[in-house]
C-alpha cells in the first residue's frame, strides 16, 4: 500500500513540478524578410511616397502616348492599373517590376441588341538590369521622361518593354 501511495504521489508531483519550472529557452527571432514590396521600402511611409510618385509619372506619360500608339488597336481604351516592384531588402536593389494594364472592346449585336464585350489584362515586365539600385530607378522615374529614358544599367526604356507586351 505504501508503494502505491508513493507512486500515486509521484505521478501528481512530477508533472506539476515540470510545469512549474521556469523556461530558459526563447523562441528564435523571425528571419528577416529578403524581398519586400517597393511600397514598403525602406519604410512604409517613405516607400509609399517615392513609389507612388514614380507610378503617377509613368501613368501620366502613358496617357499622353496611348492615343498615338498602343490605344489604336483592338483595345483602344488601355488603362494602366498598377505598377508593382519587389525590392531585395538586403541589397537595396529591384528584383522585378510588373506594370498591369486592362483593355476592353465592346460592340452591340445589331440583331439582338445585346452588348458583347471582350476584356484583357496585360502584365508587362519592366526590362530591369539585375540588381538595379532602387535609388537609381527613382532618379529615372522622376527625371525628364520616365517612359522613354533608359532604365539604369540598361539600353532599355519602360516603353521598350511595353512594345513586346501590349502589341
Protein backbone atom coordinates (compact mmCIF):
# COMPACT_ATOMS: atom_id res chain seq x y z
CA UNK A 1 0.00 0.00 0.00
CA UNK A 2 2.82 2.36 0.83
CA UNK A 3 4.36 1.75 -2.59
CA UNK A 4 1.07 2.64 -4.31
CA UNK A 5 0.75 5.85 -2.31
CA UNK A 6 4.29 6.82 -3.16
CA UNK A 7 3.77 6.12 -6.87
CA UNK A 8 0.46 7.97 -6.92
CA UNK A 9 2.05 10.98 -5.23
CA UNK A 10 4.93 10.91 -7.71
CA UNK A 11 2.52 10.85 -10.66
CA UNK A 12 0.93 14.09 -9.43
CA UNK A 13 4.02 15.89 -8.14
CA UNK A 14 6.46 15.27 -11.01
CA UNK A 15 4.22 16.66 -13.82
CA UNK A 16 3.31 19.64 -11.64
CA UNK A 17 6.98 20.29 -10.93
CA UNK A 18 7.78 20.11 -14.63
CA UNK A 19 5.19 22.79 -15.41
CA UNK A 20 6.42 24.98 -12.59
CA UNK A 21 10.00 25.08 -13.93
CA UNK A 22 10.89 28.44 -15.45
CA UNK A 23 11.62 28.15 -19.15
CA UNK A 24 15.06 29.28 -20.17
CA UNK A 25 14.65 28.82 -23.90
CA UNK A 26 13.31 31.62 -26.04
CA UNK A 27 11.88 31.41 -29.50
CA UNK A 28 14.37 32.49 -32.13
CA UNK A 29 13.75 35.86 -33.72
CA UNK A 30 11.97 35.59 -37.06
CA UNK A 31 14.31 35.63 -40.02
CA UNK A 32 14.41 38.97 -41.80
CA UNK A 33 12.34 39.13 -44.96
CA UNK A 34 14.51 39.36 -48.04
CA UNK A 35 12.04 40.68 -50.62
CA UNK A 36 9.50 43.41 -49.93
CA UNK A 37 7.07 45.46 -51.97
CA UNK A 38 8.62 48.75 -53.10
CA UNK A 39 5.76 50.50 -51.30
CA UNK A 40 7.25 49.22 -48.03
CA UNK A 41 10.92 50.00 -48.70
CA UNK A 42 12.88 51.37 -46.91
CA UNK A 43 9.88 52.10 -44.69
CA UNK A 44 6.19 52.06 -45.41
CA UNK A 45 5.80 55.84 -45.39
CA UNK A 46 8.93 56.58 -47.39
CA UNK A 47 8.24 53.79 -49.87
CA UNK A 48 4.66 54.84 -50.48
CA UNK A 49 5.67 58.42 -51.30
CA UNK A 50 8.61 57.56 -53.59
CA UNK A 51 6.95 54.68 -55.37
CA UNK A 52 3.62 56.49 -55.69
CA UNK A 53 5.34 59.39 -57.44
CA UNK A 54 7.10 57.03 -59.85
CA UNK A 55 3.85 55.23 -60.67
CA UNK A 56 1.96 58.51 -61.15
CA UNK A 57 4.59 59.85 -63.55
CA UNK A 58 4.56 56.63 -65.60
CA UNK A 59 0.76 56.64 -65.76
CA UNK A 60 0.70 60.26 -66.96
CA UNK A 61 3.38 59.56 -69.58
CA UNK A 62 1.42 56.53 -70.81
CA UNK A 63 -1.80 58.57 -71.05
CA UNK A 64 -0.03 61.17 -73.23
CA UNK A 65 1.34 58.48 -75.54
CA UNK A 66 -1.51 55.99 -75.64
CA UNK A 67 -3.73 57.50 -78.35
CA UNK A 68 -0.92 57.58 -80.91
CA UNK A 69 0.43 54.09 -80.24
CA UNK A 70 -0.91 51.28 -78.10
CA UNK A 71 -4.50 52.50 -77.98
CA UNK A 72 -5.20 52.29 -81.71
CA UNK A 73 -5.80 48.53 -81.89
CA UNK A 74 -8.43 46.17 -80.54
CA UNK A 75 -8.13 47.64 -77.06
CA UNK A 76 -8.38 51.36 -77.66
CA UNK A 77 -9.10 52.09 -74.01
CA UNK A 78 -5.93 50.61 -72.47
CA UNK A 79 -5.62 51.75 -68.88
CA UNK A 80 -2.69 51.28 -66.52
CA UNK A 81 -3.99 49.54 -63.39
CA UNK A 82 -0.97 49.06 -61.16
CA UNK A 83 2.80 49.13 -61.10
CA UNK A 84 4.37 46.72 -58.59
CA UNK A 85 8.05 46.20 -57.83
CA UNK A 86 9.89 43.87 -55.49
CA UNK A 87 12.95 45.09 -53.60
CA UNK A 88 15.77 42.90 -52.31
CA UNK A 89 15.98 44.49 -48.87
CA UNK A 90 19.45 43.04 -48.26
CA UNK A 91 20.91 44.91 -51.26
CA UNK A 92 18.51 47.87 -51.79
CA UNK A 93 18.00 46.69 -55.37
CA UNK A 94 14.99 45.92 -57.52
CA UNK A 95 14.29 42.28 -58.31
CA UNK A 96 11.31 42.75 -60.65
CA UNK A 97 8.70 45.30 -61.70
CA UNK A 98 5.38 44.43 -63.31
CA UNK A 99 3.05 47.03 -64.82
CA UNK A 100 -0.50 45.74 -65.29
CA UNK A 101 -2.90 47.18 -67.88
CA UNK A 102 -6.51 46.46 -68.78
CA UNK A 103 -8.27 46.94 -72.06
CA UNK A 104 -11.65 46.10 -73.47
CA UNK A 105 -13.67 46.25 -76.63
CA UNK A 106 -17.47 46.35 -76.67
CA UNK A 107 -19.92 46.12 -79.53
CA UNK A 108 -23.66 45.90 -79.99
CA UNK A 109 -25.16 42.93 -81.77
CA UNK A 110 -27.34 44.57 -84.48
CA UNK A 111 -29.92 41.75 -84.46
CA UNK A 112 -30.44 41.24 -80.73
CA UNK A 113 -29.25 44.50 -79.21
CA UNK A 114 -27.02 42.56 -76.81
CA UNK A 115 -23.79 44.22 -75.82
CA UNK A 116 -20.80 41.97 -76.24
CA UNK A 117 -17.51 42.76 -74.58
CA UNK A 118 -14.02 41.38 -74.73
CA UNK A 119 -11.59 42.30 -71.99
CA UNK A 120 -7.92 41.52 -71.50
CA UNK A 121 -5.24 42.04 -68.86
CA UNK A 122 -1.68 42.77 -69.92
CA UNK A 123 1.15 42.02 -67.48
CA UNK A 124 4.22 43.89 -68.67
CA UNK A 125 7.65 43.40 -67.09
CA UNK A 126 9.99 46.36 -66.95
CA UNK A 127 13.31 45.43 -68.57
CA UNK A 128 15.41 45.96 -65.46
CA UNK A 129 19.07 45.10 -65.16
CA UNK A 130 19.99 42.61 -62.46
CA UNK A 131 20.43 44.36 -59.11
CA UNK A 132 19.15 47.75 -60.26
CA UNK A 133 19.61 50.13 -57.31
CA UNK A 134 16.25 51.40 -56.10
CA UNK A 135 17.52 54.99 -55.86
CA UNK A 136 18.80 54.89 -59.46
CA UNK A 137 15.39 53.64 -60.63
CA UNK A 138 13.67 56.54 -58.82
CA UNK A 139 16.07 59.02 -60.44
CA UNK A 140 14.92 57.86 -63.88
CA UNK A 141 11.25 57.85 -62.86
CA UNK A 142 11.39 61.43 -61.55
CA UNK A 143 13.56 62.71 -64.41
CA UNK A 144 12.59 64.08 -67.80
CA UNK A 145 10.67 61.25 -69.50
CA UNK A 146 10.16 58.15 -67.33
CA UNK A 147 8.61 56.18 -70.18
CA UNK A 148 11.40 56.72 -72.71
CA UNK A 149 14.54 57.38 -70.64
CA UNK A 150 16.88 54.40 -70.35
CA UNK A 151 16.49 52.33 -67.20
CA UNK A 152 19.63 52.21 -65.02
CA UNK A 153 22.41 49.91 -66.24
CA UNK A 154 20.48 49.02 -69.46
CA UNK A 155 19.89 50.16 -73.01
CA UNK A 156 16.14 49.70 -72.50
CA UNK A 157 13.34 52.02 -71.52
CA UNK A 158 9.99 51.22 -69.94
CA UNK A 159 8.49 51.86 -73.39
CA UNK A 160 10.68 49.11 -74.88
CA UNK A 161 9.12 46.60 -72.50
CA UNK A 162 5.62 47.71 -73.44
CA UNK A 163 6.25 47.12 -77.15
CA UNK A 164 6.52 43.37 -76.68
CA UNK A 165 3.71 43.25 -74.17
CA UNK A 166 0.87 45.48 -75.39
CA UNK A 167 1.21 44.67 -79.11
